[in-house]
């Protein structure tokens, strides 16, 4: 996690947006998306946290989410704007820690020491929650709003893809649950561990 701090230091005063988007998908056909997550996790670990590689994985995941929008069930988002880079880095760490503590969460991103088994072993399940946490420079209206509608979430995912290609991402983390073969994310577990999710 020190790498995040490094990315926020030694720069001028800049507007930094830090946000997390949680998306709950449900259905029998979410398996292709799990394959995308596994592929992105492998690439991120091999790249040892390189931000360009993480951004590429984020863009791939967002594109796949857009293609699977019929399985979107609920969403939650939160974030803040910072002009102090240390505070922005601290908030990224706070969101990372919270996401990592959620039920059955696996991670791909800035932590290459994460166990390969934990990062790659995502089961075929009826419910999947994906948590996208990013930090970027500038004014990003599509992310600085309530994402409680299909159109708003679509715009936010497209914005994340564009942020990668614009080269203004400062941090990228993707967590997903469940994370172990044979685990199932039940409706009760969704309510208990992801209470902020709002139906789309």
N, C-alpha and C. Protein backbone atom coordinates (compact mmCIF):
# COMPACT_ATOMS: atom_id res chain seq x y z
N UNK A 1 0.81 -1.20 0.00
CA UNK A 1 0.00 0.00 0.00
C UNK A 1 0.85 1.26 0.00
N UNK A 2 2.13 1.13 0.29
CA UNK A 2 3.00 2.30 0.22
C UNK A 2 3.08 2.86 -1.18
N UNK A 3 2.88 2.00 -2.19
CA UNK A 3 2.95 2.46 -3.57
C UNK A 3 1.90 3.54 -3.84
N UNK A 4 0.74 3.45 -3.18
CA UNK A 4 -0.28 4.48 -3.37
C UNK A 4 0.21 5.82 -2.89
N UNK A 5 0.83 5.81 -1.71
CA UNK A 5 1.35 7.06 -1.14
C UNK A 5 2.35 7.69 -2.11
N UNK A 6 3.22 6.84 -2.69
CA UNK A 6 4.23 7.34 -3.62
C UNK A 6 3.60 8.02 -4.82
N UNK A 7 2.49 7.49 -5.28
CA UNK A 7 1.83 8.06 -6.46
C UNK A 7 1.18 9.40 -6.17
N UNK A 8 0.93 9.68 -4.90
CA UNK A 8 0.28 10.93 -4.54
C UNK A 8 1.28 11.99 -4.08
N UNK A 9 2.56 11.64 -4.04
CA UNK A 9 3.54 12.60 -3.54
C UNK A 9 4.29 13.27 -4.68
N UNK A 10 4.98 14.33 -4.34
CA UNK A 10 5.85 15.04 -5.27
C UNK A 10 5.12 15.60 -6.48
N UNK A 11 3.90 16.03 -6.29
CA UNK A 11 3.16 16.68 -7.38
C UNK A 11 2.57 17.97 -6.86
N UNK A 12 2.20 18.85 -7.79
CA UNK A 12 1.58 20.11 -7.40
C UNK A 12 0.18 19.89 -6.88
N UNK A 13 -0.42 20.98 -6.42
CA UNK A 13 -1.79 20.89 -5.89
C UNK A 13 -2.75 20.60 -7.03
N UNK A 14 -3.44 19.49 -6.94
CA UNK A 14 -4.30 19.01 -8.01
C UNK A 14 -5.62 18.54 -7.41
N UNK A 15 -6.70 18.69 -8.17
CA UNK A 15 -7.99 18.15 -7.74
C UNK A 15 -7.97 16.65 -7.97
N UNK A 16 -8.17 15.89 -6.90
CA UNK A 16 -8.13 14.43 -6.99
C UNK A 16 -9.47 13.86 -6.55
N UNK A 17 -10.05 13.05 -7.41
CA UNK A 17 -11.30 12.35 -7.12
C UNK A 17 -10.97 10.93 -6.70
N UNK A 18 -11.48 10.52 -5.54
CA UNK A 18 -11.34 9.14 -5.08
C UNK A 18 -12.74 8.57 -4.93
N UNK A 19 -12.99 7.43 -5.55
CA UNK A 19 -14.34 6.86 -5.44
C UNK A 19 -14.30 5.35 -5.49
N UNK A 20 -15.37 4.77 -4.95
CA UNK A 20 -15.58 3.33 -5.01
C UNK A 20 -16.98 3.06 -5.52
N UNK A 21 -17.07 2.13 -6.47
CA UNK A 21 -18.35 1.71 -7.02
C UNK A 21 -18.50 0.21 -6.74
N UNK A 22 -19.61 -0.17 -6.10
CA UNK A 22 -19.93 -1.58 -5.88
C UNK A 22 -21.07 -1.96 -6.80
N UNK A 23 -20.90 -3.06 -7.51
CA UNK A 23 -21.93 -3.55 -8.43
C UNK A 23 -22.24 -4.99 -8.08
N UNK A 24 -23.51 -5.27 -7.86
CA UNK A 24 -23.98 -6.63 -7.59
C UNK A 24 -24.60 -7.17 -8.87
N UNK A 25 -24.09 -8.32 -9.34
CA UNK A 25 -24.66 -9.01 -10.49
C UNK A 25 -25.22 -10.33 -10.02
N UNK A 26 -26.31 -10.76 -10.64
CA UNK A 26 -26.93 -12.03 -10.27
C UNK A 26 -27.45 -12.74 -11.50
N UNK A 27 -27.34 -14.07 -11.50
CA UNK A 27 -27.85 -14.87 -12.60
C UNK A 27 -26.93 -16.04 -12.90
N UNK A 28 -27.42 -16.93 -13.75
CA UNK A 28 -26.65 -18.13 -14.10
C UNK A 28 -25.52 -17.85 -15.07
N UNK A 29 -25.54 -16.71 -15.74
CA UNK A 29 -24.60 -16.45 -16.83
C UNK A 29 -23.54 -15.43 -16.48
N UNK A 30 -23.16 -15.34 -15.21
CA UNK A 30 -22.11 -14.38 -14.84
C UNK A 30 -20.72 -14.98 -14.98
N UNK A 31 -20.62 -16.24 -15.35
CA UNK A 31 -19.31 -16.91 -15.46
C UNK A 31 -18.33 -16.20 -16.38
N UNK A 32 -18.72 -15.70 -17.56
CA UNK A 32 -17.75 -15.00 -18.41
C UNK A 32 -17.09 -13.81 -17.72
N UNK A 33 -17.85 -13.11 -16.89
CA UNK A 33 -17.29 -11.97 -16.17
C UNK A 33 -16.25 -12.43 -15.15
N UNK A 34 -16.49 -13.57 -14.51
CA UNK A 34 -15.52 -14.10 -13.56
C UNK A 34 -14.21 -14.43 -14.26
N UNK A 35 -14.31 -14.90 -15.50
CA UNK A 35 -13.10 -15.16 -16.28
C UNK A 35 -12.32 -13.89 -16.54
N UNK A 36 -13.01 -12.80 -16.81
CA UNK A 36 -12.35 -11.51 -17.03
C UNK A 36 -11.63 -11.07 -15.75
N UNK A 37 -12.29 -11.23 -14.61
CA UNK A 37 -11.67 -10.86 -13.33
C UNK A 37 -10.41 -11.68 -13.07
N UNK A 38 -10.49 -12.97 -13.32
CA UNK A 38 -9.32 -13.83 -13.12
C UNK A 38 -8.17 -13.43 -14.02
N UNK A 39 -8.49 -13.15 -15.29
CA UNK A 39 -7.46 -12.74 -16.25
C UNK A 39 -6.80 -11.44 -15.81
N UNK A 40 -7.63 -10.46 -15.40
CA UNK A 40 -7.09 -9.17 -14.95
C UNK A 40 -6.23 -9.35 -13.70
N UNK A 41 -6.65 -10.24 -12.80
CA UNK A 41 -5.87 -10.48 -11.58
C UNK A 41 -4.50 -11.06 -11.92
N UNK A 42 -4.46 -12.01 -12.82
CA UNK A 42 -3.17 -12.60 -13.23
C UNK A 42 -2.25 -11.54 -13.83
N UNK A 43 -2.81 -10.72 -14.72
CA UNK A 43 -2.00 -9.69 -15.36
C UNK A 43 -1.48 -8.68 -14.34
N UNK A 44 -2.33 -8.30 -13.39
CA UNK A 44 -1.92 -7.31 -12.38
C UNK A 44 -0.79 -7.84 -11.52
N UNK A 45 -0.87 -9.10 -11.11
CA UNK A 45 0.18 -9.69 -10.29
C UNK A 45 1.48 -9.78 -11.08
N UNK A 46 1.39 -10.17 -12.35
CA UNK A 46 2.59 -10.25 -13.18
C UNK A 46 3.22 -8.87 -13.38
N UNK A 47 2.37 -7.84 -13.46
CA UNK A 47 2.86 -6.48 -13.67
C UNK A 47 3.37 -5.83 -12.40
N UNK A 48 3.20 -6.52 -11.26
CA UNK A 48 3.68 -6.05 -9.96
C UNK A 48 3.18 -4.63 -9.63
N UNK A 49 1.90 -4.40 -9.90
CA UNK A 49 1.29 -3.14 -9.50
C UNK A 49 1.52 -1.98 -10.46
N UNK A 50 2.05 -2.23 -11.66
CA UNK A 50 2.25 -1.16 -12.63
C UNK A 50 0.91 -0.51 -12.97
N UNK A 51 0.82 0.81 -12.82
CA UNK A 51 -0.45 1.51 -12.95
C UNK A 51 -1.03 1.40 -14.35
N UNK A 52 -0.19 1.37 -15.36
CA UNK A 52 -0.68 1.22 -16.74
C UNK A 52 -1.38 -0.13 -16.92
N UNK A 53 -0.76 -1.18 -16.37
CA UNK A 53 -1.36 -2.52 -16.46
C UNK A 53 -2.65 -2.59 -15.65
N UNK A 54 -2.66 -1.96 -14.47
CA UNK A 54 -3.87 -1.96 -13.65
C UNK A 54 -5.00 -1.23 -14.37
N UNK A 55 -4.67 -0.11 -15.01
CA UNK A 55 -5.67 0.64 -15.76
C UNK A 55 -6.23 -0.15 -16.92
N UNK A 56 -5.36 -0.91 -17.59
CA UNK A 56 -5.80 -1.74 -18.70
C UNK A 56 -6.78 -2.81 -18.20
N UNK A 57 -6.45 -3.41 -17.05
CA UNK A 57 -7.34 -4.40 -16.46
C UNK A 57 -8.67 -3.78 -16.06
N UNK A 58 -8.62 -2.57 -15.48
CA UNK A 58 -9.85 -1.86 -15.10
C UNK A 58 -10.72 -1.62 -16.32
N UNK A 59 -10.11 -1.17 -17.42
CA UNK A 59 -10.87 -0.90 -18.64
C UNK A 59 -11.52 -2.19 -19.16
N UNK A 60 -10.78 -3.29 -19.10
CA UNK A 60 -11.30 -4.58 -19.56
C UNK A 60 -12.50 -5.01 -18.70
N UNK A 61 -12.37 -4.85 -17.38
CA UNK A 61 -13.45 -5.22 -16.46
C UNK A 61 -14.68 -4.34 -16.71
N UNK A 62 -14.47 -3.04 -16.83
CA UNK A 62 -15.60 -2.13 -17.07
C UNK A 62 -16.30 -2.46 -18.38
N UNK A 63 -15.53 -2.76 -19.42
CA UNK A 63 -16.13 -3.12 -20.71
C UNK A 63 -16.97 -4.38 -20.58
N UNK A 64 -16.45 -5.37 -19.84
CA UNK A 64 -17.20 -6.60 -19.65
C UNK A 64 -18.47 -6.35 -18.83
N UNK A 65 -18.38 -5.50 -17.81
CA UNK A 65 -19.57 -5.15 -17.03
C UNK A 65 -20.63 -4.50 -17.92
N UNK A 66 -20.20 -3.63 -18.81
CA UNK A 66 -21.15 -2.98 -19.72
C UNK A 66 -21.84 -4.00 -20.62
N UNK A 67 -21.12 -5.03 -21.01
CA UNK A 67 -21.68 -6.07 -21.87
C UNK A 67 -22.61 -7.02 -21.10
N UNK A 68 -22.52 -7.00 -19.77
CA UNK A 68 -23.35 -7.88 -18.93
C UNK A 68 -24.37 -7.09 -18.12
N UNK A 69 -24.82 -5.97 -18.64
CA UNK A 69 -25.70 -5.09 -17.86
C UNK A 69 -27.05 -5.73 -17.53
N UNK A 70 -27.45 -6.76 -18.26
CA UNK A 70 -28.73 -7.41 -17.93
C UNK A 70 -28.66 -8.14 -16.59
N UNK A 71 -27.46 -8.36 -16.07
CA UNK A 71 -27.29 -9.05 -14.79
C UNK A 71 -27.09 -8.09 -13.63
N UNK A 72 -27.03 -6.79 -13.90
CA UNK A 72 -26.89 -5.81 -12.83
C UNK A 72 -28.14 -5.83 -11.96
N UNK A 73 -27.96 -5.95 -10.67
CA UNK A 73 -29.09 -5.99 -9.74
C UNK A 73 -29.12 -4.80 -8.78
N UNK A 74 -27.95 -4.43 -8.27
CA UNK A 74 -27.91 -3.31 -7.32
C UNK A 74 -26.54 -2.65 -7.37
N UNK A 75 -26.47 -1.46 -6.79
CA UNK A 75 -25.24 -0.68 -6.88
C UNK A 75 -25.11 0.20 -5.64
N UNK A 76 -23.90 0.59 -5.34
CA UNK A 76 -23.62 1.60 -4.31
C UNK A 76 -22.36 2.33 -4.73
N UNK A 77 -22.27 3.60 -4.40
CA UNK A 77 -21.03 4.32 -4.67
C UNK A 77 -20.79 5.36 -3.60
N UNK A 78 -19.52 5.68 -3.43
CA UNK A 78 -19.12 6.70 -2.47
C UNK A 78 -17.81 7.29 -2.95
N UNK A 79 -17.49 8.45 -2.43
CA UNK A 79 -16.24 9.07 -2.82
C UNK A 79 -16.11 10.46 -2.25
N UNK A 80 -15.00 11.10 -2.60
CA UNK A 80 -14.74 12.45 -2.13
C UNK A 80 -13.73 13.10 -3.06
N UNK A 81 -13.63 14.42 -2.94
CA UNK A 81 -12.68 15.20 -3.72
C UNK A 81 -11.65 15.77 -2.78
N UNK A 82 -10.39 15.71 -3.18
CA UNK A 82 -9.29 16.17 -2.34
C UNK A 82 -8.39 17.12 -3.11
N UNK A 83 -7.83 18.07 -2.38
CA UNK A 83 -6.77 18.91 -2.93
C UNK A 83 -5.47 18.64 -2.19
N UNK A 84 -5.54 17.86 -1.14
CA UNK A 84 -4.37 17.42 -0.39
C UNK A 84 -4.09 15.98 -0.79
N UNK A 85 -2.93 15.75 -1.38
CA UNK A 85 -2.64 14.43 -1.93
C UNK A 85 -2.47 13.37 -0.85
N UNK A 86 -1.97 13.78 0.32
CA UNK A 86 -1.84 12.84 1.42
C UNK A 86 -3.20 12.34 1.89
N UNK A 87 -4.16 13.27 1.99
CA UNK A 87 -5.51 12.88 2.39
C UNK A 87 -6.14 11.96 1.34
N UNK A 88 -5.90 12.24 0.07
CA UNK A 88 -6.44 11.38 -0.99
C UNK A 88 -5.86 9.98 -0.86
N UNK A 89 -4.56 9.88 -0.63
CA UNK A 89 -3.92 8.58 -0.47
C UNK A 89 -4.45 7.83 0.74
N UNK A 90 -4.70 8.55 1.82
CA UNK A 90 -5.27 7.92 3.01
C UNK A 90 -6.67 7.37 2.74
N UNK A 91 -7.46 8.11 1.96
CA UNK A 91 -8.83 7.66 1.67
C UNK A 91 -8.82 6.43 0.75
N UNK A 92 -7.87 6.39 -0.20
CA UNK A 92 -7.72 5.19 -1.03
C UNK A 92 -7.42 3.99 -0.13
N UNK A 93 -6.52 4.17 0.82
CA UNK A 93 -6.18 3.09 1.74
C UNK A 93 -7.38 2.67 2.58
N UNK A 94 -8.16 3.65 3.03
CA UNK A 94 -9.36 3.35 3.83
C UNK A 94 -10.36 2.52 3.03
N UNK A 95 -10.60 2.90 1.77
CA UNK A 95 -11.54 2.16 0.92
C UNK A 95 -11.00 0.76 0.61
N UNK A 96 -9.69 0.68 0.37
CA UNK A 96 -9.07 -0.62 0.12
C UNK A 96 -9.29 -1.55 1.31
N UNK A 97 -9.01 -1.05 2.50
CA UNK A 97 -9.13 -1.86 3.71
C UNK A 97 -10.56 -2.32 3.91
N UNK A 98 -11.52 -1.41 3.70
CA UNK A 98 -12.92 -1.78 3.86
C UNK A 98 -13.32 -2.85 2.85
N UNK A 99 -12.94 -2.66 1.59
CA UNK A 99 -13.30 -3.64 0.55
C UNK A 99 -12.69 -5.00 0.86
N UNK A 100 -11.43 -4.99 1.31
CA UNK A 100 -10.73 -6.25 1.58
C UNK A 100 -11.36 -7.01 2.74
N UNK A 101 -12.04 -6.31 3.64
CA UNK A 101 -12.64 -6.96 4.80
C UNK A 101 -14.06 -7.47 4.53
N UNK A 102 -14.58 -7.18 3.35
CA UNK A 102 -15.93 -7.67 3.04
C UNK A 102 -15.91 -9.18 2.87
N UNK A 103 -17.08 -9.80 2.99
CA UNK A 103 -17.19 -11.25 2.93
C UNK A 103 -16.55 -11.82 1.66
N UNK A 104 -15.65 -12.76 1.84
CA UNK A 104 -15.09 -13.52 0.73
C UNK A 104 -14.39 -12.69 -0.31
N UNK A 105 -13.84 -11.55 0.07
CA UNK A 105 -13.28 -10.64 -0.92
C UNK A 105 -11.90 -11.07 -1.39
N UNK A 106 -11.70 -11.00 -2.70
CA UNK A 106 -10.37 -11.17 -3.31
C UNK A 106 -10.03 -9.85 -3.95
N UNK A 107 -8.74 -9.65 -4.23
CA UNK A 107 -8.28 -8.36 -4.73
C UNK A 107 -7.38 -8.54 -5.93
N UNK A 108 -7.45 -7.58 -6.84
CA UNK A 108 -6.36 -7.43 -7.80
C UNK A 108 -6.01 -5.97 -7.79
N UNK A 109 -4.73 -5.68 -7.85
CA UNK A 109 -4.34 -4.29 -7.84
C UNK A 109 -2.92 -4.11 -7.37
N UNK A 110 -2.71 -3.22 -6.42
CA UNK A 110 -1.37 -2.81 -6.03
C UNK A 110 -0.70 -3.75 -5.04
N UNK A 111 -1.24 -4.93 -4.78
CA UNK A 111 -0.67 -5.82 -3.78
C UNK A 111 -0.26 -7.14 -4.43
N UNK A 112 0.91 -7.20 -5.10
CA UNK A 112 1.31 -8.40 -5.83
C UNK A 112 1.58 -9.59 -4.94
N UNK A 113 1.67 -9.39 -3.63
CA UNK A 113 1.92 -10.52 -2.74
C UNK A 113 0.64 -11.27 -2.38
N UNK A 114 -0.49 -10.77 -2.87
CA UNK A 114 -1.76 -11.47 -2.62
C UNK A 114 -1.66 -12.89 -3.15
N UNK A 115 -2.12 -13.83 -2.39
CA UNK A 115 -2.08 -15.24 -2.78
C UNK A 115 -2.76 -15.47 -4.11
N UNK A 116 -2.08 -16.22 -4.98
CA UNK A 116 -2.65 -16.52 -6.29
C UNK A 116 -3.95 -17.30 -6.13
N UNK A 117 -3.98 -18.22 -5.17
CA UNK A 117 -5.21 -19.00 -4.96
C UNK A 117 -6.38 -18.09 -4.61
N UNK A 118 -6.15 -17.12 -3.75
CA UNK A 118 -7.22 -16.22 -3.33
C UNK A 118 -7.66 -15.32 -4.48
N UNK A 119 -6.71 -14.91 -5.32
CA UNK A 119 -7.03 -13.96 -6.38
C UNK A 119 -7.73 -14.62 -7.55
N UNK A 120 -7.44 -15.89 -7.80
CA UNK A 120 -7.94 -16.51 -9.03
C UNK A 120 -9.12 -17.45 -8.82
N UNK A 121 -9.41 -17.86 -7.60
CA UNK A 121 -10.38 -18.91 -7.34
C UNK A 121 -11.78 -18.36 -7.13
N UNK A 122 -12.38 -17.87 -8.20
CA UNK A 122 -13.72 -17.33 -8.08
C UNK A 122 -14.72 -18.37 -8.58
N UNK A 123 -15.69 -18.76 -7.78
CA UNK A 123 -16.61 -19.83 -8.17
C UNK A 123 -17.72 -19.36 -9.10
N UNK A 124 -18.38 -20.32 -9.69
CA UNK A 124 -19.60 -20.04 -10.43
C UNK A 124 -20.70 -19.90 -9.39
N UNK A 125 -21.25 -18.73 -9.27
CA UNK A 125 -22.21 -18.45 -8.20
C UNK A 125 -23.35 -17.61 -8.76
N UNK A 126 -24.47 -17.59 -8.07
CA UNK A 126 -25.62 -16.79 -8.49
C UNK A 126 -25.41 -15.31 -8.23
N UNK A 127 -24.56 -14.97 -7.27
CA UNK A 127 -24.32 -13.57 -6.90
C UNK A 127 -22.83 -13.26 -6.94
N UNK A 128 -22.51 -12.12 -7.53
CA UNK A 128 -21.14 -11.62 -7.53
C UNK A 128 -21.19 -10.13 -7.21
N UNK A 129 -20.30 -9.68 -6.34
CA UNK A 129 -20.16 -8.25 -6.07
C UNK A 129 -18.76 -7.84 -6.50
N UNK A 130 -18.68 -6.81 -7.31
CA UNK A 130 -17.41 -6.26 -7.77
C UNK A 130 -17.28 -4.86 -7.21
N UNK A 131 -16.13 -4.57 -6.58
CA UNK A 131 -15.87 -3.26 -5.99
C UNK A 131 -14.72 -2.60 -6.73
N UNK A 132 -15.00 -1.52 -7.41
CA UNK A 132 -13.99 -0.78 -8.18
C UNK A 132 -13.63 0.49 -7.42
N UNK A 133 -12.37 0.61 -7.03
CA UNK A 133 -11.90 1.80 -6.33
C UNK A 133 -10.83 2.47 -7.17
N UNK A 134 -11.01 3.77 -7.43
CA UNK A 134 -10.03 4.48 -8.23
C UNK A 134 -9.74 5.85 -7.62
N UNK A 135 -8.60 6.38 -7.99
CA UNK A 135 -8.27 7.78 -7.74
C UNK A 135 -7.80 8.35 -9.07
N UNK A 136 -8.21 9.57 -9.37
CA UNK A 136 -7.83 10.19 -10.64
C UNK A 136 -7.78 11.70 -10.47
N UNK A 137 -7.15 12.34 -11.42
CA UNK A 137 -7.04 13.79 -11.41
C UNK A 137 -8.20 14.41 -12.17
N UNK A 138 -8.63 15.59 -11.73
CA UNK A 138 -9.57 16.38 -12.51
C UNK A 138 -10.98 16.37 -11.99
N UNK A 139 -11.88 16.75 -12.89
CA UNK A 139 -13.30 16.90 -12.61
C UNK A 139 -14.02 15.79 -13.37
N UNK A 140 -14.64 14.84 -12.68
CA UNK A 140 -15.23 13.66 -13.32
C UNK A 140 -16.71 13.59 -12.95
N UNK A 141 -17.57 14.38 -13.61
CA UNK A 141 -18.99 14.43 -13.24
C UNK A 141 -19.69 13.08 -13.23
N UNK A 142 -19.32 12.17 -14.14
CA UNK A 142 -20.00 10.88 -14.22
C UNK A 142 -19.76 10.02 -12.99
N UNK A 143 -18.67 10.31 -12.24
CA UNK A 143 -18.36 9.54 -11.03
C UNK A 143 -18.75 10.28 -9.76
N UNK A 144 -18.97 11.58 -9.88
CA UNK A 144 -19.26 12.41 -8.71
C UNK A 144 -20.75 12.64 -8.55
N UNK A 145 -21.50 11.56 -8.66
CA UNK A 145 -22.96 11.63 -8.60
C UNK A 145 -23.52 10.33 -8.08
N UNK A 146 -24.81 10.29 -7.81
CA UNK A 146 -25.50 9.07 -7.41
C UNK A 146 -25.58 8.13 -8.61
N UNK A 147 -25.12 6.92 -8.46
CA UNK A 147 -25.13 5.95 -9.56
C UNK A 147 -26.28 4.97 -9.45
N UNK A 148 -27.37 5.38 -8.81
CA UNK A 148 -28.49 4.48 -8.55
C UNK A 148 -29.43 4.25 -9.72
N UNK A 149 -28.96 4.45 -10.94
CA UNK A 149 -29.78 4.14 -12.12
C UNK A 149 -28.89 3.46 -13.16
N UNK A 150 -29.51 2.72 -14.06
CA UNK A 150 -28.76 2.03 -15.11
C UNK A 150 -27.97 3.02 -15.95
N UNK A 151 -28.59 4.13 -16.30
CA UNK A 151 -27.92 5.10 -17.17
C UNK A 151 -26.73 5.74 -16.47
N UNK A 152 -26.88 6.07 -15.17
CA UNK A 152 -25.78 6.68 -14.43
C UNK A 152 -24.62 5.70 -14.27
N UNK A 153 -24.94 4.43 -13.99
CA UNK A 153 -23.88 3.43 -13.82
C UNK A 153 -23.17 3.18 -15.15
N UNK A 154 -23.93 3.14 -16.23
CA UNK A 154 -23.32 2.98 -17.56
C UNK A 154 -22.35 4.12 -17.85
N UNK A 155 -22.77 5.35 -17.57
CA UNK A 155 -21.91 6.51 -17.80
C UNK A 155 -20.65 6.45 -16.93
N UNK A 156 -20.80 5.98 -15.68
CA UNK A 156 -19.65 5.89 -14.78
C UNK A 156 -18.63 4.87 -15.26
N UNK A 157 -19.10 3.72 -15.73
CA UNK A 157 -18.18 2.69 -16.21
C UNK A 157 -17.45 3.16 -17.47
N UNK A 158 -18.17 3.85 -18.34
CA UNK A 158 -17.53 4.40 -19.54
C UNK A 158 -16.49 5.45 -19.15
N UNK A 159 -16.80 6.25 -18.13
CA UNK A 159 -15.86 7.27 -17.67
C UNK A 159 -14.59 6.61 -17.14
N UNK A 160 -14.73 5.50 -16.39
CA UNK A 160 -13.55 4.82 -15.88
C UNK A 160 -12.66 4.33 -17.01
N UNK A 161 -13.26 3.80 -18.06
CA UNK A 161 -12.49 3.35 -19.23
C UNK A 161 -11.72 4.53 -19.81
N UNK A 162 -12.40 5.67 -19.97
CA UNK A 162 -11.76 6.85 -20.54
C UNK A 162 -10.63 7.37 -19.67
N UNK A 163 -10.78 7.28 -18.34
CA UNK A 163 -9.73 7.75 -17.44
C UNK A 163 -8.42 7.01 -17.68
N UNK A 164 -8.52 5.72 -17.94
CA UNK A 164 -7.31 4.95 -18.23
C UNK A 164 -6.64 5.48 -19.49
N UNK A 165 -7.44 5.67 -20.54
CA UNK A 165 -6.85 6.08 -21.82
C UNK A 165 -6.39 7.54 -21.80
N UNK A 166 -6.94 8.33 -20.88
CA UNK A 166 -6.48 9.71 -20.73
C UNK A 166 -5.23 9.81 -19.87
N UNK A 167 -4.88 8.72 -19.20
CA UNK A 167 -3.66 8.68 -18.40
C UNK A 167 -3.73 9.49 -17.11
N UNK A 168 -4.93 9.63 -16.52
CA UNK A 168 -5.05 10.44 -15.31
C UNK A 168 -5.41 9.61 -14.06
N UNK A 169 -5.35 8.29 -14.18
CA UNK A 169 -5.56 7.45 -13.00
C UNK A 169 -4.35 7.54 -12.09
N UNK A 170 -4.59 7.58 -10.78
CA UNK A 170 -3.52 7.59 -9.79
C UNK A 170 -3.49 6.29 -8.99
N UNK A 171 -4.64 5.63 -8.86
CA UNK A 171 -4.71 4.36 -8.12
C UNK A 171 -5.88 3.55 -8.66
N UNK A 172 -5.72 2.24 -8.66
CA UNK A 172 -6.76 1.32 -9.12
C UNK A 172 -6.78 0.12 -8.19
N UNK A 173 -7.96 -0.24 -7.71
CA UNK A 173 -8.15 -1.47 -6.95
C UNK A 173 -9.46 -2.11 -7.39
N UNK A 174 -9.43 -3.42 -7.56
CA UNK A 174 -10.65 -4.17 -7.86
C UNK A 174 -10.74 -5.31 -6.87
N UNK A 175 -11.83 -5.35 -6.11
CA UNK A 175 -12.12 -6.47 -5.21
C UNK A 175 -13.36 -7.17 -5.75
N UNK A 176 -13.47 -8.46 -5.48
CA UNK A 176 -14.67 -9.18 -5.88
C UNK A 176 -14.97 -10.28 -4.89
N UNK A 177 -16.23 -10.61 -4.79
CA UNK A 177 -16.70 -11.63 -3.85
C UNK A 177 -17.79 -12.44 -4.54
N UNK A 178 -17.82 -13.76 -4.36
CA UNK A 178 -16.97 -14.60 -3.51
C UNK A 178 -15.61 -14.85 -4.16
N UNK A 179 -14.68 -15.40 -3.37
CA UNK A 179 -13.30 -15.52 -3.84
C UNK A 179 -12.71 -16.92 -3.73
N UNK A 180 -13.45 -17.87 -3.21
CA UNK A 180 -12.92 -19.23 -3.08
C UNK A 180 -13.83 -20.21 -3.81
N UNK A 181 -13.21 -21.20 -4.42
CA UNK A 181 -13.99 -22.22 -5.12
C UNK A 181 -14.96 -22.87 -4.14
N UNK A 182 -16.21 -22.98 -4.56
CA UNK A 182 -17.22 -23.59 -3.71
C UNK A 182 -17.96 -22.61 -2.82
N UNK A 183 -17.42 -21.40 -2.68
CA UNK A 183 -18.12 -20.39 -1.87
C UNK A 183 -19.32 -19.85 -2.64
N UNK A 184 -20.32 -19.48 -1.91
CA UNK A 184 -21.51 -18.87 -2.52
C UNK A 184 -21.83 -17.60 -1.75
N UNK A 185 -22.14 -16.58 -2.49
CA UNK A 185 -22.58 -15.32 -1.89
C UNK A 185 -24.11 -15.35 -1.89
N UNK A 186 -24.70 -15.66 -0.74
CA UNK A 186 -26.15 -15.81 -0.64
C UNK A 186 -26.83 -14.45 -0.50
N UNK A 187 -28.14 -14.45 -0.62
CA UNK A 187 -28.91 -13.22 -0.45
C UNK A 187 -28.75 -12.66 0.97
N UNK A 188 -28.73 -13.55 1.96
CA UNK A 188 -28.53 -13.10 3.35
C UNK A 188 -27.16 -12.48 3.54
N UNK A 189 -26.14 -13.09 2.93
CA UNK A 189 -24.78 -12.55 3.04
C UNK A 189 -24.67 -11.20 2.34
N UNK A 190 -25.37 -11.05 1.23
CA UNK A 190 -25.40 -9.76 0.54
C UNK A 190 -25.94 -8.67 1.46
N UNK A 191 -27.05 -8.96 2.12
CA UNK A 191 -27.66 -7.98 3.02
C UNK A 191 -26.75 -7.67 4.20
N UNK A 192 -26.07 -8.69 4.71
CA UNK A 192 -25.23 -8.51 5.89
C UNK A 192 -23.93 -7.76 5.58
N UNK A 193 -23.28 -8.12 4.48
CA UNK A 193 -21.95 -7.61 4.20
C UNK A 193 -21.91 -6.46 3.20
N UNK A 194 -23.00 -6.25 2.47
CA UNK A 194 -23.07 -5.16 1.49
C UNK A 194 -24.38 -4.40 1.66
N UNK A 195 -24.64 -3.90 2.86
CA UNK A 195 -25.96 -3.29 3.15
C UNK A 195 -26.23 -2.01 2.37
N UNK A 196 -25.19 -1.37 1.84
CA UNK A 196 -25.40 -0.11 1.13
C UNK A 196 -25.91 -0.29 -0.30
N UNK A 197 -25.93 -1.51 -0.79
CA UNK A 197 -26.39 -1.74 -2.17
C UNK A 197 -27.86 -1.34 -2.33
N UNK A 198 -28.15 -0.64 -3.42
CA UNK A 198 -29.49 -0.16 -3.71
C UNK A 198 -29.94 -0.80 -5.03
N UNK A 199 -31.15 -1.38 -5.08
CA UNK A 199 -31.61 -2.02 -6.32
C UNK A 199 -31.64 -1.05 -7.50
N UNK A 200 -31.25 -1.56 -8.66
CA UNK A 200 -31.30 -0.75 -9.88
C UNK A 200 -32.69 -0.87 -10.50
